[in-house]
């Protein structure tokens, strides 16, 4: 059970740090979600938004961060 608790504490800490970074840098991150390849489709009352490239970039970044943390631990 201690292993699960440690993982939950680390995950919570990372979520708090990520939230603070996004909150503090929100004016500088306006490009995120508006990259070429992100799909926006608008019709009368329907808006479909698929940030494919933005989430791909985020996935690559998080994979690198997680791999660095795993190698350190």
N, C-alpha and C. Protein backbone atom coordinates (compact mmCIF):
# COMPACT_ATOMS: atom_id res chain seq x y z
N UNK A 1 0.81 -1.20 0.00
CA UNK A 1 0.00 0.00 0.00
C UNK A 1 0.86 1.27 0.00
N UNK A 2 2.06 1.20 0.53
CA UNK A 2 2.91 2.39 0.57
C UNK A 2 3.32 2.81 -0.83
N UNK A 3 3.47 1.84 -1.72
CA UNK A 3 3.83 2.16 -3.10
C UNK A 3 2.74 2.94 -3.80
N UNK A 4 1.50 2.52 -3.59
CA UNK A 4 0.36 3.23 -4.20
C UNK A 4 0.25 4.63 -3.62
N UNK A 5 0.45 4.76 -2.32
CA UNK A 5 0.37 6.07 -1.67
C UNK A 5 1.43 7.01 -2.23
N UNK A 6 2.64 6.49 -2.43
CA UNK A 6 3.73 7.31 -2.97
C UNK A 6 3.40 7.78 -4.38
N UNK A 7 2.85 6.89 -5.20
CA UNK A 7 2.47 7.24 -6.57
C UNK A 7 1.39 8.31 -6.57
N UNK A 8 0.38 8.17 -5.69
CA UNK A 8 -0.70 9.15 -5.62
C UNK A 8 -0.20 10.52 -5.16
N UNK A 9 0.72 10.53 -4.22
CA UNK A 9 1.28 11.80 -3.74
C UNK A 9 2.08 12.47 -4.84
N UNK A 10 2.89 11.72 -5.56
CA UNK A 10 3.68 12.28 -6.66
C UNK A 10 2.77 12.78 -7.76
N UNK A 11 1.74 12.00 -8.13
CA UNK A 11 0.81 12.41 -9.17
C UNK A 11 0.07 13.68 -8.77
N UNK A 12 -0.35 13.78 -7.52
CA UNK A 12 -1.02 14.98 -7.04
C UNK A 12 -0.11 16.19 -7.07
N UNK A 13 1.12 16.00 -6.67
CA UNK A 13 2.09 17.09 -6.72
C UNK A 13 2.33 17.57 -8.14
N UNK A 14 2.44 16.63 -9.07
CA UNK A 14 2.62 17.00 -10.47
C UNK A 14 1.41 17.74 -11.02
N UNK A 15 0.22 17.33 -10.62
CA UNK A 15 -0.99 18.04 -11.06
C UNK A 15 -1.03 19.46 -10.51
N UNK A 16 -0.64 19.64 -9.28
CA UNK A 16 -0.61 20.98 -8.69
C UNK A 16 0.41 21.86 -9.41
N UNK A 17 1.59 21.32 -9.65
CA UNK A 17 2.64 22.08 -10.34
C UNK A 17 2.19 22.44 -11.75
N UNK A 18 1.60 21.48 -12.46
CA UNK A 18 1.11 21.73 -13.82
C UNK A 18 0.03 22.81 -13.81
N UNK A 19 -0.89 22.72 -12.87
CA UNK A 19 -1.94 23.73 -12.76
C UNK A 19 -1.39 25.11 -12.51
N UNK A 20 -0.40 25.21 -11.63
CA UNK A 20 0.22 26.51 -11.35
C UNK A 20 0.94 27.07 -12.57
N UNK A 21 1.66 26.21 -13.30
CA UNK A 21 2.37 26.66 -14.50
C UNK A 21 1.38 27.17 -15.54
N UNK A 22 0.31 26.42 -15.77
CA UNK A 22 -0.69 26.83 -16.76
C UNK A 22 -1.35 28.13 -16.32
N UNK A 23 -1.65 28.26 -15.05
CA UNK A 23 -2.30 29.46 -14.53
C UNK A 23 -1.39 30.69 -14.66
N UNK A 24 -0.12 30.52 -14.29
CA UNK A 24 0.80 31.65 -14.32
C UNK A 24 1.24 32.02 -15.73
N UNK A 25 1.30 31.05 -16.64
CA UNK A 25 1.77 31.31 -18.00
C UNK A 25 0.65 31.30 -19.03
N UNK A 26 -0.59 31.46 -18.60
CA UNK A 26 -1.71 31.35 -19.52
C UNK A 26 -1.66 32.40 -20.63
N UNK A 27 -1.14 33.58 -20.36
CA UNK A 27 -1.04 34.60 -21.40
C UNK A 27 0.06 34.28 -22.41
N UNK A 28 1.03 33.46 -22.03
CA UNK A 28 2.11 33.09 -22.94
C UNK A 28 1.83 31.77 -23.67
N UNK A 29 0.80 31.05 -23.26
CA UNK A 29 0.48 29.76 -23.87
C UNK A 29 -0.74 29.83 -24.79
N UNK A 30 -1.03 31.01 -25.33
CA UNK A 30 -2.20 31.14 -26.19
C UNK A 30 -2.07 30.34 -27.48
N UNK A 31 -0.85 29.99 -27.88
CA UNK A 31 -0.64 29.21 -29.09
C UNK A 31 -1.05 27.76 -28.91
N UNK A 32 -1.05 27.29 -27.65
CA UNK A 32 -1.40 25.89 -27.39
C UNK A 32 -2.89 25.70 -27.66
N UNK A 33 -3.21 24.78 -28.53
CA UNK A 33 -4.59 24.55 -28.93
C UNK A 33 -4.93 25.22 -30.25
N UNK A 34 -4.00 26.01 -30.75
CA UNK A 34 -4.21 26.70 -32.03
C UNK A 34 -3.09 26.36 -33.02
N UNK A 35 -2.50 25.20 -32.88
CA UNK A 35 -1.43 24.79 -33.77
C UNK A 35 -1.99 24.30 -35.09
N UNK A 36 -1.18 24.33 -36.15
CA UNK A 36 -1.63 23.73 -37.41
C UNK A 36 -1.86 22.23 -37.18
N UNK A 37 -2.98 21.73 -37.60
CA UNK A 37 -3.32 20.33 -37.37
C UNK A 37 -4.40 20.17 -36.31
N UNK A 38 -4.64 21.20 -35.52
CA UNK A 38 -5.76 21.19 -34.58
C UNK A 38 -7.02 21.51 -35.38
N UNK A 39 -8.03 20.69 -35.21
CA UNK A 39 -9.23 20.80 -36.04
C UNK A 39 -10.33 21.55 -35.29
N UNK A 40 -10.86 22.58 -35.94
CA UNK A 40 -12.01 23.33 -35.43
C UNK A 40 -13.09 23.29 -36.50
N UNK A 41 -14.26 22.86 -36.11
CA UNK A 41 -15.38 22.77 -37.05
C UNK A 41 -16.58 23.45 -36.42
N UNK A 42 -17.08 24.51 -37.06
CA UNK A 42 -18.22 25.25 -36.52
C UNK A 42 -19.36 25.22 -37.52
N UNK A 43 -20.52 24.95 -37.00
CA UNK A 43 -21.77 25.07 -37.73
C UNK A 43 -22.76 25.79 -36.86
N UNK A 44 -23.97 25.91 -37.27
CA UNK A 44 -24.98 26.70 -36.58
C UNK A 44 -24.85 26.65 -35.06
N UNK A 45 -25.25 25.57 -34.44
CA UNK A 45 -25.21 25.45 -32.98
C UNK A 45 -24.19 24.43 -32.51
N UNK A 46 -23.33 23.97 -33.39
CA UNK A 46 -22.39 22.90 -33.05
C UNK A 46 -20.96 23.38 -33.28
N UNK A 47 -20.13 23.14 -32.31
CA UNK A 47 -18.70 23.40 -32.46
C UNK A 47 -17.95 22.14 -32.05
N UNK A 48 -17.11 21.64 -32.94
CA UNK A 48 -16.28 20.47 -32.67
C UNK A 48 -14.83 20.93 -32.69
N UNK A 49 -14.12 20.60 -31.64
CA UNK A 49 -12.73 21.03 -31.51
C UNK A 49 -11.89 19.81 -31.17
N UNK A 50 -10.92 19.49 -32.04
CA UNK A 50 -10.04 18.35 -31.83
C UNK A 50 -8.58 18.83 -31.85
N UNK A 51 -7.99 19.05 -30.69
CA UNK A 51 -6.61 19.55 -30.63
C UNK A 51 -5.59 18.41 -30.79
N UNK A 52 -5.57 17.80 -31.95
CA UNK A 52 -4.75 16.61 -32.19
C UNK A 52 -3.26 16.91 -32.03
N UNK A 53 -2.77 17.92 -32.71
CA UNK A 53 -1.34 18.23 -32.68
C UNK A 53 -0.92 18.75 -31.30
N UNK A 54 -1.77 19.53 -30.67
CA UNK A 54 -1.45 20.04 -29.33
C UNK A 54 -1.31 18.88 -28.34
N UNK A 55 -2.23 17.92 -28.38
CA UNK A 55 -2.14 16.79 -27.46
C UNK A 55 -0.99 15.85 -27.82
N UNK A 56 -0.65 15.77 -29.10
CA UNK A 56 0.52 14.97 -29.49
C UNK A 56 1.79 15.60 -28.91
N UNK A 57 1.90 16.91 -29.01
CA UNK A 57 3.05 17.62 -28.44
C UNK A 57 3.10 17.45 -26.93
N UNK A 58 1.95 17.57 -26.27
CA UNK A 58 1.87 17.38 -24.82
C UNK A 58 2.25 15.95 -24.43
N UNK A 59 1.82 14.98 -25.20
CA UNK A 59 2.15 13.58 -24.93
C UNK A 59 3.65 13.33 -25.03
N UNK A 60 4.27 13.88 -26.04
CA UNK A 60 5.73 13.73 -26.19
C UNK A 60 6.46 14.37 -25.02
N UNK A 61 6.04 15.57 -24.64
CA UNK A 61 6.67 16.27 -23.52
C UNK A 61 6.51 15.50 -22.22
N UNK A 62 5.31 15.02 -21.94
CA UNK A 62 5.09 14.25 -20.70
C UNK A 62 5.85 12.93 -20.71
N UNK A 63 5.95 12.29 -21.86
CA UNK A 63 6.72 11.05 -21.96
C UNK A 63 8.19 11.30 -21.62
N UNK A 64 8.74 12.38 -22.14
CA UNK A 64 10.13 12.72 -21.83
C UNK A 64 10.31 13.00 -20.33
N UNK A 65 9.40 13.77 -19.75
CA UNK A 65 9.50 14.10 -18.33
C UNK A 65 9.39 12.85 -17.47
N UNK A 66 8.44 11.98 -17.78
CA UNK A 66 8.26 10.75 -17.00
C UNK A 66 9.47 9.84 -17.13
N UNK A 67 10.04 9.72 -18.32
CA UNK A 67 11.22 8.87 -18.49
C UNK A 67 12.42 9.42 -17.72
N UNK A 68 12.56 10.73 -17.68
CA UNK A 68 13.66 11.34 -16.91
C UNK A 68 13.46 11.06 -15.43
N UNK A 69 12.23 11.22 -14.93
CA UNK A 69 11.95 10.95 -13.52
C UNK A 69 12.20 9.49 -13.19
N UNK A 70 11.79 8.58 -14.06
CA UNK A 70 11.98 7.14 -13.80
C UNK A 70 13.46 6.78 -13.75
N UNK A 71 14.28 7.41 -14.58
CA UNK A 71 15.71 7.10 -14.58
C UNK A 71 16.39 7.64 -13.33
N UNK A 72 15.90 8.75 -12.82
CA UNK A 72 16.48 9.32 -11.60
C UNK A 72 16.14 8.46 -10.38
N UNK A 73 14.90 7.96 -10.32
CA UNK A 73 14.46 7.20 -9.15
C UNK A 73 15.00 5.83 -9.23
